[in-house]
Amino acid sequence: MFKRTGIIGLIVLALTQIACESDTLVATCDITESVTYDSQIKEIIAVSSTSSRCNGNGSSNGDYTTFSGMSSVISNGNLKKEVLDNQTMPQGDSFSQDEINLFKCWVENGYQKN
């Protein structure tokens, strides 16, 4: 009986540890309004670029403070990959669940400018 209980306890502990290691937010688009760069995304980028200093004007990573500055990472899929899939942007920080959801809606609606 002890072996069985001990094994079950170890399995539960291992599953709990695995579940706790994932910090990835699940992106969902559950709003009916249109998300555009000018209306929501620009502000999110402005705040994150200021705090991370990675994607502002003159950055070697690209200038995300303008829609045209983001065009290459939009077209090659890197923006979606970094923000939604890998969640490695912004560097050294993270977007909130609401911000991730806005990005998801923006991507699903074709990266509308305004």
C-alpha atoms as a PDB file:
ATOM      1  CA  MET A   1       0.000   0.000   0.000  1.00  0.00           C
ATOM      2  CA  PHE A   2       2.823   2.418   0.847  1.00  0.00           C
ATOM      3  CA  LYS A   3       4.540   1.850  -2.502  1.00  0.00           C
ATOM      4  CA  ARG A   4       1.332   2.507  -4.376  1.00  0.00           C
ATOM      5  CA  THR A   5       0.568   5.703  -2.435  1.00  0.00           C
ATOM      6  CA  GLY A   6       4.169   6.863  -2.789  1.00  0.00           C
ATOM      7  CA  ILE A   7       4.147   6.318  -6.552  1.00  0.00           C
ATOM      8  CA  ILE A   8       0.834   8.125  -6.944  1.00  0.00           C
ATOM      9  CA  GLY A   9       2.181  10.989  -4.842  1.00  0.00           C
ATOM     10  CA  LEU A  10       5.278  11.251  -7.034  1.00  0.00           C
ATOM     11  CA  ILE A  11       3.163  11.280 -10.195  1.00  0.00           C
ATOM     12  CA  VAL A  12       0.927  14.043  -8.821  1.00  0.00           C
ATOM     13  CA  LEU A  13       3.987  16.021  -7.750  1.00  0.00           C
ATOM     14  CA  ALA A  14       5.591  15.647 -11.188  1.00  0.00           C
ATOM     15  CA  LEU A  15       2.415  16.711 -12.982  1.00  0.00           C
ATOM     16  CA  THR A  16       2.049  19.717 -10.699  1.00  0.00           C
ATOM     17  CA  GLN A  17       5.651  20.754 -11.376  1.00  0.00           C
ATOM     18  CA  ILE A  18       5.178  20.458 -15.148  1.00  0.00           C
ATOM     19  CA  ALA A  19       1.978  22.528 -15.019  1.00  0.00           C
ATOM     20  CA  CYS A  20       3.646  25.259 -12.961  1.00  0.00           C
ATOM     21  CA  GLU A  21       6.620  25.632 -15.314  1.00  0.00           C
ATOM     22  CA  SER A  22       4.559  27.039 -18.175  1.00  0.00           C
ATOM     23  CA  ASP A  23       4.168  30.805 -18.034  1.00  0.00           C
ATOM     24  CA  THR A  24       2.816  31.059 -21.577  1.00  0.00           C
ATOM     25  CA  LEU A  25      -0.473  32.910 -21.761  1.00  0.00           C
ATOM     26  CA  VAL A  26      -3.188  31.502 -23.970  1.00  0.00           C
ATOM     27  CA  ALA A  27      -4.125  34.073 -26.591  1.00  0.00           C
ATOM     28  CA  THR A  28      -7.814  34.461 -27.329  1.00  0.00           C
ATOM     29  CA  CYS A  29      -9.712  36.925 -29.448  1.00  0.00           C
ATOM     30  CA  ASP A  30     -13.082  37.334 -27.798  1.00  0.00           C
ATOM     31  CA  ILE A  31     -13.954  40.955 -28.561  1.00  0.00           C
ATOM     32  CA  THR A  32     -16.254  42.116 -31.304  1.00  0.00           C
ATOM     33  CA  GLU A  33     -14.652  45.509 -31.929  1.00  0.00           C
ATOM     34  CA  SER A  34     -11.929  45.931 -34.515  1.00  0.00           C
ATOM     35  CA  VAL A  35      -8.392  46.095 -33.171  1.00  0.00           C
ATOM     36  CA  THR A  36      -6.059  48.324 -35.189  1.00  0.00           C
ATOM     37  CA  TYR A  37      -2.493  49.516 -34.867  1.00  0.00           C
ATOM     38  CA  ASP A  38      -3.556  53.125 -34.394  1.00  0.00           C
ATOM     39  CA  SER A  39      -6.356  52.425 -31.903  1.00  0.00           C
ATOM     40  CA  GLN A  40      -4.719  49.910 -29.522  1.00  0.00           C
ATOM     41  CA  ILE A  41      -1.459  48.300 -30.638  1.00  0.00           C
ATOM     42  CA  LYS A  42       0.553  51.509 -31.052  1.00  0.00           C
ATOM     43  CA  GLU A  43       0.093  52.399 -27.374  1.00  0.00           C
ATOM     44  CA  ILE A  44       1.050  48.893 -26.213  1.00  0.00           C
ATOM     45  CA  ILE A  45       4.178  49.039 -28.365  1.00  0.00           C
ATOM     46  CA  ALA A  46       5.038  52.541 -27.140  1.00  0.00           C
ATOM     47  CA  VAL A  47       4.917  51.482 -23.495  1.00  0.00           C
ATOM     48  CA  SER A  48       6.797  48.215 -24.026  1.00  0.00           C
ATOM     49  CA  SER A  49       9.434  49.794 -26.281  1.00  0.00           C
ATOM     50  CA  THR A  50      10.122  52.442 -23.690  1.00  0.00           C
ATOM     51  CA  SER A  51      10.493  49.916 -20.900  1.00  0.00           C
ATOM     52  CA  SER A  52      12.537  47.371 -22.876  1.00  0.00           C
ATOM     53  CA  ARG A  53      14.353  49.841 -25.183  1.00  0.00           C
ATOM     54  CA  CYS A  54      14.403  47.195 -27.889  1.00  0.00           C
ATOM     55  CA  ASN A  55      12.083  48.394 -30.614  1.00  0.00           C
ATOM     56  CA  GLY A  56      12.005  52.155 -30.485  1.00  0.00           C
ATOM     57  CA  ASN A  57      13.100  54.724 -33.004  1.00  0.00           C
ATOM     58  CA  GLY A  58      16.683  53.961 -34.104  1.00  0.00           C
ATOM     59  CA  SER A  59      16.730  50.456 -32.604  1.00  0.00           C
ATOM     60  CA  SER A  60      18.699  47.781 -34.441  1.00  0.00           C
ATOM     61  CA  ASN A  61      15.759  45.430 -33.809  1.00  0.00           C
ATOM     62  CA  GLY A  62      13.450  47.661 -35.821  1.00  0.00           C
ATOM     63  CA  ASP A  63      11.234  50.630 -35.160  1.00  0.00           C
ATOM     64  CA  TYR A  64       7.840  49.414 -33.954  1.00  0.00           C
ATOM     65  CA  THR A  65       6.686  52.913 -33.047  1.00  0.00           C
ATOM     66  CA  THR A  66       5.257  53.266 -36.573  1.00  0.00           C
ATOM     67  CA  PHE A  67       3.125  50.907 -38.586  1.00  0.00           C
ATOM     68  CA  SER A  68       5.513  51.129 -41.540  1.00  0.00           C
ATOM     69  CA  GLY A  69       8.425  50.348 -39.234  1.00  0.00           C
ATOM     70  CA  MET A  70       6.734  47.079 -38.318  1.00  0.00           C
ATOM     71  CA  SER A  71       5.923  46.047 -41.892  1.00  0.00           C
ATOM     72  CA  SER A  72       8.847  43.637 -42.306  1.00  0.00           C
ATOM     73  CA  VAL A  73       8.176  41.720 -39.056  1.00  0.00           C
ATOM     74  CA  ILE A  74       4.482  41.606 -39.878  1.00  0.00           C
ATOM     75  CA  SER A  75       5.054  40.239 -43.370  1.00  0.00           C
ATOM     76  CA  ASN A  76       7.676  37.655 -42.390  1.00  0.00           C
ATOM     77  CA  GLY A  77       5.623  36.387 -39.427  1.00  0.00           C
ATOM     78  CA  ASN A  78       8.181  37.295 -36.768  1.00  0.00           C
ATOM     79  CA  LEU A  79       5.835  39.624 -34.893  1.00  0.00           C
ATOM     80  CA  LYS A  80       3.220  36.908 -34.435  1.00  0.00           C
ATOM     81  CA  LYS A  81       5.935  34.406 -33.533  1.00  0.00           C
ATOM     82  CA  GLU A  82       7.578  36.639 -30.920  1.00  0.00           C
ATOM     83  CA  VAL A  83       4.411  38.073 -29.335  1.00  0.00           C
ATOM     84  CA  LEU A  84       1.911  35.211 -29.521  1.00  0.00           C
ATOM     85  CA  ASP A  85       3.758  31.946 -30.122  1.00  0.00           C
ATOM     86  CA  ASN A  86       7.006  32.302 -28.154  1.00  0.00           C
ATOM     87  CA  GLN A  87       5.928  35.268 -25.996  1.00  0.00           C
ATOM     88  CA  THR A  88       9.501  36.559 -25.975  1.00  0.00           C
ATOM     89  CA  MET A  89       8.488  40.126 -26.743  1.00  0.00           C
ATOM     90  CA  PRO A  90       8.903  42.539 -25.069  1.00  0.00           C
ATOM     91  CA  GLN A  91      12.387  41.458 -24.097  1.00  0.00           C
ATOM     92  CA  GLY A  92      12.925  41.371 -20.346  1.00  0.00           C
ATOM     93  CA  ASP A  93       9.235  41.989 -19.675  1.00  0.00           C
ATOM     94  CA  SER A  94       5.900  40.524 -20.680  1.00  0.00           C
ATOM     95  CA  PHE A  95       2.586  41.608 -22.066  1.00  0.00           C
ATOM     96  CA  SER A  96      -0.532  41.211 -19.957  1.00  0.00           C
ATOM     97  CA  GLN A  97      -3.246  38.731 -20.884  1.00  0.00           C
ATOM     98  CA  ASP A  98      -5.373  41.610 -22.215  1.00  0.00           C
ATOM     99  CA  GLU A  99      -2.510  42.857 -24.392  1.00  0.00           C
ATOM    100  CA  ILE A 100      -1.836  39.351 -25.731  1.00  0.00           C
ATOM    101  CA  ASN A 101      -5.539  39.069 -26.577  1.00  0.00           C
ATOM    102  CA  LEU A 102      -5.485  42.414 -28.413  1.00  0.00           C
ATOM    103  CA  PHE A 103      -2.475  41.272 -30.446  1.00  0.00           C
ATOM    104  CA  LYS A 104      -4.290  38.021 -31.269  1.00  0.00           C
ATOM    105  CA  CYS A 105      -7.331  39.946 -32.519  1.00  0.00           C
ATOM    106  CA  TRP A 106      -5.106  42.294 -34.503  1.00  0.00           C
ATOM    107  CA  VAL A 107      -3.345  39.349 -36.166  1.00  0.00           C
ATOM    108  CA  GLU A 108      -6.625  37.545 -36.895  1.00  0.00           C
ATOM    109  CA  ASN A 109      -8.069  40.700 -38.483  1.00  0.00           C
ATOM    110  CA  GLY A 110      -5.100  41.117 -40.833  1.00  0.00           C
ATOM    111  CA  TYR A 111      -2.965  43.686 -39.003  1.00  0.00           C
ATOM    112  CA  GLN A 112      -5.210  46.668 -39.743  1.00  0.00           C
ATOM    113  CA  LYS A 113      -3.508  50.065 -39.506  1.00  0.00           C
ATOM    114  CA  ASN A 114      -6.556  52.197 -38.603  1.00  0.00           C
END
